[in-house]
Every structure is written in C-alpha cells, then in structure tokens.
Amino acid sequence: MSSLFTVAVEPGAVVAPLTWHRLGAVRFDPVTVVLVVLAVLYAVGVRRFAELHPGAGWSIRRSAAFFGGVAVAVVAVDSVIGVYDVVLFYDHMIQHLMLIMIAAPLLAMGAPVDLLERATTGSTHRAAQAALGSRVAEVVAHPIVDFILYAVLIPVAHLTSFFNTAVTTPAVDNGEQLAFLGIGYLFWRHVVAIEPSRHRLIPPIRLVYLALAIPVDTFTGLTLASTSHSLFPALVAIHRDWGPSPVLDLHTGGAIMWVGGDTLMLFGMIPCAILWMRYEERRAAEIDRQLDLGLGAGAVHRPGDPLPPSPD
C-alpha cells in the first residue's frame, strides 16, 4: 500500500502512472472525516434507540445498508480511485457513480432521519423536530426539488468549467464529493421511500421518477463520448505520458456515465416495478372486498361505517 498524493495535482506536475502494482495506493481525503462522523453518530443512534425501545432493536438491514454506504464512499475517495480522481477523467466518473448511485441509495436505505427522530429525547429531539419541520426542510425534501438538484448536478459537474476548478482546487473537489453524496441521498430517499415524508411517492410514481432521471445520465454521457476535443484544460496541463489521450479519456468517462449510469438506474427500477405490482394487487384486492360488501368500485368503506344491508 502506498500513498501518492492527498491534494489536487498542480498543472505541469508529473504523476506516477496507474499500473497494476499501484492498485493498492491510498490517500486520506478530508471527506473521510465527515463519513466517520456520520458512521459514529449513526452507531450512537442505534444504541440509543435500543435503550429507548427495549425489545425493539433498530433494523439490522437498515444498519447494514448505512454502514455499507459509508464503506463504499470511503473506497471511492480514499482508495486508488480517489488517488487518481483529478488525473483521469474516467476514474473521476467511476468515483461519482460510486457516490451517487451506490453509496447514496445505501445511505437512504439506512433511514438516518427516521433514526434521528426515534433515537433522541428532550431538547435534542425538539431541535431535530423543529429542523425537520421547518420550511427549509420542506423545500429541500420535496421530490421535485431533489430531482432538479440531481438533474443539474450531473451535467454541471461533468460538462462545464466547474470540473477544471475541482481538478485544481482540493476544497472544491471535496465539496463536489459531498454534493454527490448529499444530493444523491435526497434523490434516492424518494425512491427507497422508507422514511416518513409529506410527499411520499406511490410505487408507480417512483418508477417514473427514476425513468425521468435516465436521460440526464444519457445526455451527459453521450455528450462526453462524442466530443472531438478535450473539454478540460486542467487535465491536459497535467504532464502524463501514459494512459489514454485526453480525448479518449473523456470518451471512456462518457461511456461509463452513459452505460454504467443507465444500468445502475435500471437496477434501481427493478424493486420499484415489483413494489408497483404488489401495490396494484393490494388495490385490486381492496376493490374486490368493497364489491363483495356491495359498496361499488368507486366507494370507500371506512372503519366504523355501517355495513350495507345483506342481500338476503
């Protein structure tokens, strides 16, 4: 294991080539501090939940998903992927997909906000409730807002001069990584639909939600894959006489975004489709039950309402 560098590469710097014996290269990324803090807070929340709700421990599957998401994010920023993320564009793209399409949905499956509400008491609980019930939280947690954030983040991060700034400025690169995790969590939270929400999407709408996001990845990937010149001078300025040419590097990154991103989205659509079928089955069963009660398909029988007279 070796560490190559921990900051963005300066223009004109000579970078060690990515070879097989460097696949174990690691670095320490400041984002790791945030990830460790989140993991510790989650673990404390799980323990606190067990104390407040004896005999009803926090879901092991949720905990496994959350810590799995943290682990994926750490690999993305601290392993060889993080080492070369400002040297090779395709490597940067792999990192982003790991953060927003693997780590983020796993974090959402961990239901951290639900844990926060159910594992706190006193002033901490009141502060959490106030924050989650604020107008800002209402806007930030709205599915339309989160979809727009996702749809803007992907092309801006990969098709504009923002990427040049991320290559040359470590703080911007770190902020970008956190944005992919944060916005990714907000986006996937509506698809996973575990945590309480004022705007909970029914299964068919979740499927549409994901389907509408696919063109964002496709457009970004195809744009990169079809470019005839390098879009990012900061990458060209790095002295590298190994690996793909700057244009081929962009083409490879575009293909990863296009094929890899769309494939991961399709994988996410599979459970949504299954939930949709179950949802329709429950609706059909409820309609049949209402018909059997003589209420008619358009009527609703509420608990406590008198049943219709027997046909006998």
Protein backbone atom coordinates (compact mmCIF):
# COMPACT_ATOMS: atom_id res chain seq x y z
CA MET A 1 0.00 0.00 0.00
CA SER A 2 1.35 3.41 -0.87
CA SER A 3 0.14 6.98 -0.80
CA LEU A 4 0.72 9.07 -3.91
CA PHE A 5 -0.78 12.45 -3.07
CA THR A 6 -3.55 13.89 -0.97
CA VAL A 7 -4.25 17.17 -2.80
CA ALA A 8 -5.20 18.19 -6.30
CA VAL A 9 -2.39 17.83 -8.83
CA GLU A 10 -0.81 21.11 -9.91
CA PRO A 11 -0.63 21.89 -13.66
CA GLY A 12 2.61 20.57 -15.10
CA ALA A 13 3.11 18.09 -12.25
CA VAL A 14 4.45 14.66 -13.11
CA VAL A 15 2.06 11.97 -11.95
CA ALA A 16 3.05 8.37 -11.37
CA PRO A 17 1.39 6.07 -13.92
CA LEU A 18 -1.55 3.93 -12.91
CA THR A 19 -0.19 0.39 -13.10
CA TRP A 20 -1.19 -2.92 -11.56
CA HIS A 21 1.18 -2.57 -8.61
CA ARG A 22 -0.39 0.81 -7.74
CA LEU A 23 -3.92 -0.51 -7.39
CA GLY A 24 -3.35 -0.62 -3.65
CA ALA A 25 -2.49 3.08 -3.47
CA VAL A 26 -4.42 5.01 -0.84
CA ARG A 27 -4.77 8.56 0.43
CA PHE A 28 -6.59 10.36 3.21
CA ASP A 29 -9.38 12.56 1.92
CA PRO A 30 -10.97 15.20 4.21
CA VAL A 31 -14.37 13.83 3.20
CA THR A 32 -13.45 10.73 5.19
CA VAL A 33 -13.74 12.77 8.39
CA VAL A 34 -17.36 13.56 7.55
CA LEU A 35 -18.05 9.92 6.74
CA VAL A 36 -16.53 8.71 10.01
CA VAL A 37 -18.55 11.25 12.00
CA LEU A 38 -21.76 10.13 10.27
CA ALA A 39 -20.97 6.48 10.99
CA VAL A 40 -20.27 7.20 14.66
CA LEU A 41 -23.45 9.26 15.06
CA TYR A 42 -25.48 6.51 13.39
CA ALA A 43 -23.97 3.88 15.70
CA VAL A 44 -24.77 6.04 18.73
CA GLY A 45 -28.31 6.46 17.41
CA VAL A 46 -28.76 2.70 17.04
CA ARG A 47 -27.60 2.15 20.62
CA ARG A 48 -29.81 4.96 21.90
CA PHE A 49 -32.81 3.53 20.01
CA ALA A 50 -32.29 0.16 21.71
CA GLU A 51 -32.26 1.90 25.10
CA LEU A 52 -35.44 3.88 24.41
CA HIS A 53 -37.31 0.96 22.83
CA PRO A 54 -36.45 -2.21 24.76
CA GLY A 55 -37.16 -5.35 22.78
CA ALA A 56 -37.49 -3.46 19.50
CA GLY A 57 -33.98 -3.03 18.23
CA TRP A 58 -33.18 -0.95 15.18
CA SER A 59 -33.36 -2.88 11.90
CA ILE A 60 -30.15 -4.77 11.15
CA ARG A 61 -30.79 -4.40 7.44
CA ARG A 62 -31.00 -0.63 7.77
CA SER A 63 -27.78 -0.53 9.77
CA ALA A 64 -26.01 -2.78 7.25
CA ALA A 65 -27.18 -0.58 4.38
CA PHE A 66 -26.00 2.64 6.04
CA PHE A 67 -22.58 1.33 7.04
CA GLY A 68 -22.28 -0.27 3.61
CA GLY A 69 -22.92 3.11 2.03
CA VAL A 70 -20.24 4.70 4.21
CA ALA A 71 -17.80 1.94 3.25
CA VAL A 72 -18.46 2.42 -0.47
CA ALA A 73 -17.93 6.17 -0.11
CA VAL A 74 -14.63 5.64 1.76
CA VAL A 75 -13.40 3.35 -1.02
CA ALA A 76 -14.44 5.94 -3.62
CA VAL A 77 -12.47 8.79 -2.01
CA ASP A 78 -9.56 7.08 -0.26
CA SER A 79 -8.59 4.13 -2.47
CA VAL A 80 -6.75 4.26 -5.79
CA ILE A 81 -9.99 5.65 -7.25
CA GLY A 82 -9.63 8.73 -5.08
CA VAL A 83 -5.89 8.95 -5.73
CA TYR A 84 -6.38 9.42 -9.47
CA ASP A 85 -9.73 11.21 -9.48
CA VAL A 86 -8.18 14.51 -10.62
CA VAL A 87 -5.78 12.88 -13.08
CA LEU A 88 -8.01 10.60 -15.15
CA PHE A 89 -11.49 11.74 -16.11
CA TYR A 90 -12.85 8.21 -16.41
CA ASP A 91 -11.61 7.49 -12.89
CA HIS A 92 -13.39 10.64 -11.69
CA MET A 93 -16.56 9.35 -13.32
CA ILE A 94 -16.26 5.98 -11.60
CA GLN A 95 -15.91 7.78 -8.29
CA HIS A 96 -19.01 9.87 -8.90
CA LEU A 97 -21.12 6.86 -9.86
CA MET A 98 -19.99 5.06 -6.72
CA LEU A 99 -21.00 8.04 -4.60
CA ILE A 100 -24.34 8.99 -6.14
CA MET A 101 -25.64 5.62 -7.39
CA ILE A 102 -24.27 3.11 -4.88
CA ALA A 103 -23.31 4.85 -1.65
CA ALA A 104 -26.20 7.37 -1.67
CA PRO A 105 -29.04 4.84 -2.10
CA LEU A 106 -27.48 2.66 0.59
CA LEU A 107 -27.42 5.65 2.94
CA ALA A 108 -31.08 6.30 2.11
CA MET A 109 -31.90 2.66 2.89
CA GLY A 110 -30.34 3.23 6.30
CA ALA A 111 -33.11 5.77 7.11
CA PRO A 112 -30.86 8.12 9.15
CA VAL A 113 -33.52 10.82 9.54
CA ASP A 114 -36.02 8.31 10.90
CA LEU A 115 -33.36 7.10 13.34
CA LEU A 116 -32.68 10.69 14.41
CA GLU A 117 -36.34 11.26 15.24
CA ARG A 118 -36.79 7.98 17.10
CA ALA A 119 -33.48 7.86 18.98
CA THR A 120 -33.49 11.33 20.54
CA THR A 121 -35.26 12.84 23.51
CA GLY A 122 -35.57 16.16 25.28
CA SER A 123 -34.06 19.28 23.75
CA THR A 124 -32.20 17.29 21.09
CA HIS A 125 -35.44 15.74 19.90
CA ARG A 126 -37.23 19.10 19.91
CA ALA A 127 -34.40 20.69 17.92
CA ALA A 128 -34.46 17.84 15.42
CA GLN A 129 -38.24 18.10 15.08
CA ALA A 130 -38.03 21.84 14.58
CA ALA A 131 -35.35 21.50 11.91
CA LEU A 132 -37.14 18.71 10.07
CA GLY A 133 -40.44 20.57 10.25
CA SER A 134 -39.04 23.88 9.01
CA ARG A 135 -39.91 25.45 5.68
CA VAL A 136 -36.34 24.95 4.50
CA ALA A 137 -36.56 21.22 5.21
CA GLU A 138 -39.92 21.14 3.44
CA VAL A 139 -38.36 22.58 0.29
CA VAL A 140 -35.17 20.52 0.45
CA ALA A 141 -37.09 17.27 0.99
CA HIS A 142 -39.55 17.85 -1.86
CA PRO A 143 -39.19 15.24 -4.64
CA ILE A 144 -39.40 17.82 -7.42
CA VAL A 145 -36.66 19.93 -5.84
CA ASP A 146 -34.45 16.88 -5.31
CA PHE A 147 -34.97 15.74 -8.89
CA ILE A 148 -33.98 19.17 -10.18
CA LEU A 149 -30.87 19.15 -7.98
CA TYR A 150 -29.87 15.78 -9.44
CA ALA A 151 -30.64 16.85 -13.00
CA VAL A 152 -28.49 19.98 -12.58
CA LEU A 153 -25.61 18.40 -10.66
CA ILE A 154 -24.76 15.69 -13.20
CA PRO A 155 -24.20 17.91 -16.27
CA VAL A 156 -22.71 20.84 -14.36
CA ALA A 157 -20.14 18.61 -12.66
CA HIS A 158 -19.07 16.95 -15.91
CA LEU A 159 -19.72 19.33 -18.79
CA THR A 160 -18.75 22.77 -17.50
CA SER A 161 -15.62 24.55 -16.33
CA PHE A 162 -16.59 23.56 -12.80
CA PHE A 163 -14.64 20.36 -13.37
CA ASN A 164 -11.48 22.38 -14.07
CA THR A 165 -11.89 24.10 -10.73
CA ALA A 166 -12.37 20.76 -8.99
CA VAL A 167 -9.14 19.45 -10.54
CA THR A 168 -7.06 22.40 -9.38
CA THR A 169 -8.77 23.18 -6.04
CA PRO A 170 -8.92 20.41 -3.40
CA ALA A 171 -11.67 22.12 -1.40
CA VAL A 172 -13.92 22.25 -4.47
CA ASP A 173 -13.21 18.60 -5.23
CA ASN A 174 -14.14 17.65 -1.66
CA GLY A 175 -17.27 19.78 -1.82
CA GLU A 176 -18.24 18.10 -5.07
CA GLN A 177 -17.89 14.66 -3.47
CA LEU A 178 -20.11 15.70 -0.56
CA ALA A 179 -22.63 17.15 -3.01
CA PHE A 180 -22.85 13.83 -4.84
CA LEU A 181 -23.49 12.07 -1.54
CA GLY A 182 -25.93 14.66 -0.18
CA ILE A 183 -27.97 15.24 -3.33
CA GLY A 184 -27.79 11.54 -4.10
CA TYR A 185 -29.26 10.77 -0.69
CA LEU A 186 -32.08 13.27 -1.20
CA PHE A 187 -32.82 11.88 -4.67
CA TRP A 188 -32.81 8.20 -3.66
CA ARG A 189 -34.72 8.87 -0.45
CA HIS A 190 -37.91 9.22 -2.51
CA VAL A 191 -37.21 6.01 -4.39
CA VAL A 192 -36.39 3.96 -1.29
CA ALA A 193 -39.36 5.58 0.49
CA ILE A 194 -38.56 4.18 3.95
CA GLU A 195 -38.53 7.38 5.95
CA PRO A 196 -41.68 9.38 6.74
CA SER A 197 -42.35 12.10 4.17
CA ARG A 198 -45.03 14.67 3.48
CA HIS A 199 -44.65 13.89 -0.21
CA ARG A 200 -44.40 10.12 -0.25
CA LEU A 201 -44.41 8.74 -3.78
CA ILE A 202 -46.54 5.71 -4.59
CA PRO A 203 -44.65 2.83 -6.31
CA PRO A 204 -45.64 3.67 -9.91
CA ILE A 205 -44.53 7.28 -9.47
CA ARG A 206 -41.19 6.11 -8.04
CA LEU A 207 -40.65 4.12 -11.21
CA VAL A 208 -41.44 7.17 -13.34
CA TYR A 209 -39.17 9.26 -11.09
CA LEU A 210 -36.21 7.02 -11.92
CA ALA A 211 -37.14 6.71 -15.59
CA LEU A 212 -37.13 10.50 -15.97
CA ALA A 213 -33.62 10.67 -14.48
CA ILE A 214 -32.11 8.28 -17.03
CA PRO A 215 -32.00 10.87 -19.86
CA VAL A 216 -29.86 13.10 -17.63
CA ASP A 217 -27.15 10.45 -17.44
CA THR A 218 -27.59 9.53 -21.10
CA PHE A 219 -27.28 13.13 -22.31
CA THR A 220 -24.18 13.76 -20.20
CA GLY A 221 -22.54 10.51 -21.23
CA LEU A 222 -23.27 10.90 -24.94
CA THR A 223 -22.03 14.49 -24.94
CA LEU A 224 -18.71 13.40 -23.47
CA ALA A 225 -18.45 10.32 -25.67
CA SER A 226 -18.96 12.33 -28.84
CA THR A 227 -16.62 15.27 -28.19
CA SER A 228 -13.77 15.73 -30.64
CA HIS A 229 -11.52 17.75 -28.36
CA SER A 230 -10.59 17.98 -24.69
CA LEU A 231 -13.06 19.98 -22.63
CA PHE A 232 -10.86 20.42 -19.58
CA PRO A 233 -7.53 22.29 -19.88
CA ALA A 234 -6.66 21.40 -16.27
CA LEU A 235 -6.40 17.73 -17.20
CA VAL A 236 -4.34 18.49 -20.30
CA ALA A 237 -1.97 20.64 -18.21
CA ILE A 238 -1.07 17.63 -16.07
CA HIS A 239 2.05 16.04 -17.53
CA ARG A 240 1.03 12.48 -18.30
CA ASP A 241 2.70 10.35 -20.95
CA TRP A 242 0.79 7.22 -20.00
CA GLY A 243 -2.81 6.08 -20.15
CA PRO A 244 -5.47 7.25 -22.60
CA SER A 245 -5.21 10.52 -24.50
CA PRO A 246 -7.27 13.42 -23.10
CA VAL A 247 -10.00 12.89 -25.72
CA LEU A 248 -10.10 9.11 -25.28
CA ASP A 249 -10.20 9.70 -21.54
CA LEU A 250 -13.35 11.82 -21.98
CA HIS A 251 -14.88 9.24 -24.31
CA THR A 252 -14.26 6.49 -21.77
CA GLY A 253 -15.71 8.59 -18.96
CA GLY A 254 -18.74 9.39 -21.11
CA ALA A 255 -19.30 5.70 -21.84
CA ILE A 256 -19.07 4.91 -18.14
CA MET A 257 -21.66 7.57 -17.34
CA TRP A 258 -23.94 6.53 -20.20
CA VAL A 259 -23.80 2.74 -19.88
CA GLY A 260 -22.87 2.46 -16.21
CA GLY A 261 -25.22 5.18 -15.01
CA ASP A 262 -28.19 3.92 -17.01
CA THR A 263 -27.54 0.34 -15.92
CA LEU A 264 -27.47 1.29 -12.25
CA MET A 265 -30.69 3.25 -12.72
CA LEU A 266 -32.31 0.21 -14.34
CA PHE A 267 -31.24 -1.94 -11.39
CA GLY A 268 -32.94 0.58 -9.13
CA MET A 269 -36.11 0.33 -11.19
CA ILE A 270 -36.46 -3.42 -10.64
CA PRO A 271 -37.59 -3.26 -6.99
CA CYS A 272 -39.80 -0.29 -7.87
CA ALA A 273 -41.52 -2.40 -10.53
CA ILE A 274 -42.01 -5.25 -8.05
CA LEU A 275 -43.48 -2.87 -5.47
CA TRP A 276 -45.76 -1.45 -8.16
CA MET A 277 -47.15 -4.92 -8.94
CA ARG A 278 -47.75 -5.58 -5.24
CA TYR A 279 -49.37 -2.16 -4.92
CA GLU A 280 -51.78 -2.93 -7.77
CA GLU A 281 -52.53 -6.34 -6.28
CA ARG A 282 -53.47 -4.72 -2.97
CA ARG A 283 -55.64 -2.16 -4.76
CA ALA A 284 -57.39 -4.90 -6.72
CA ALA A 285 -57.96 -6.89 -3.53
CA GLU A 286 -59.41 -3.81 -1.81
CA ILE A 287 -61.76 -3.14 -4.74
CA ASP A 288 -62.89 -6.78 -4.71
CA ARG A 289 -63.51 -6.52 -0.97
CA GLN A 290 -65.59 -3.38 -1.45
CA LEU A 291 -67.57 -5.02 -4.27
CA ASP A 292 -68.23 -8.02 -2.05
CA LEU A 293 -69.60 -5.59 0.55
CA GLY A 294 -71.90 -4.10 -2.10
CA LEU A 295 -70.24 -0.69 -1.96
CA GLY A 296 -69.29 -0.38 -5.60
CA ALA A 297 -65.83 0.10 -7.06
CA GLY A 298 -65.89 3.85 -6.57
CA ALA A 299 -67.00 3.85 -2.95
CA VAL A 300 -64.80 3.75 0.09
CA HIS A 301 -65.68 1.86 3.23
CA ARG A 302 -64.10 3.39 6.30
CA PRO A 303 -63.64 1.57 9.60
CA GLY A 304 -66.65 2.27 11.79
CA ASP A 305 -69.06 2.92 8.90
CA PRO A 306 -72.20 0.70 8.97
CA LEU A 307 -72.10 -2.19 6.54
CA PRO A 308 -74.73 -2.25 3.76
CA PRO A 309 -77.79 -4.46 4.36
CA SER A 310 -77.38 -8.10 3.47
CA PRO A 311 -78.86 -9.02 0.04
CA ASP A 312 -80.76 -11.80 1.83
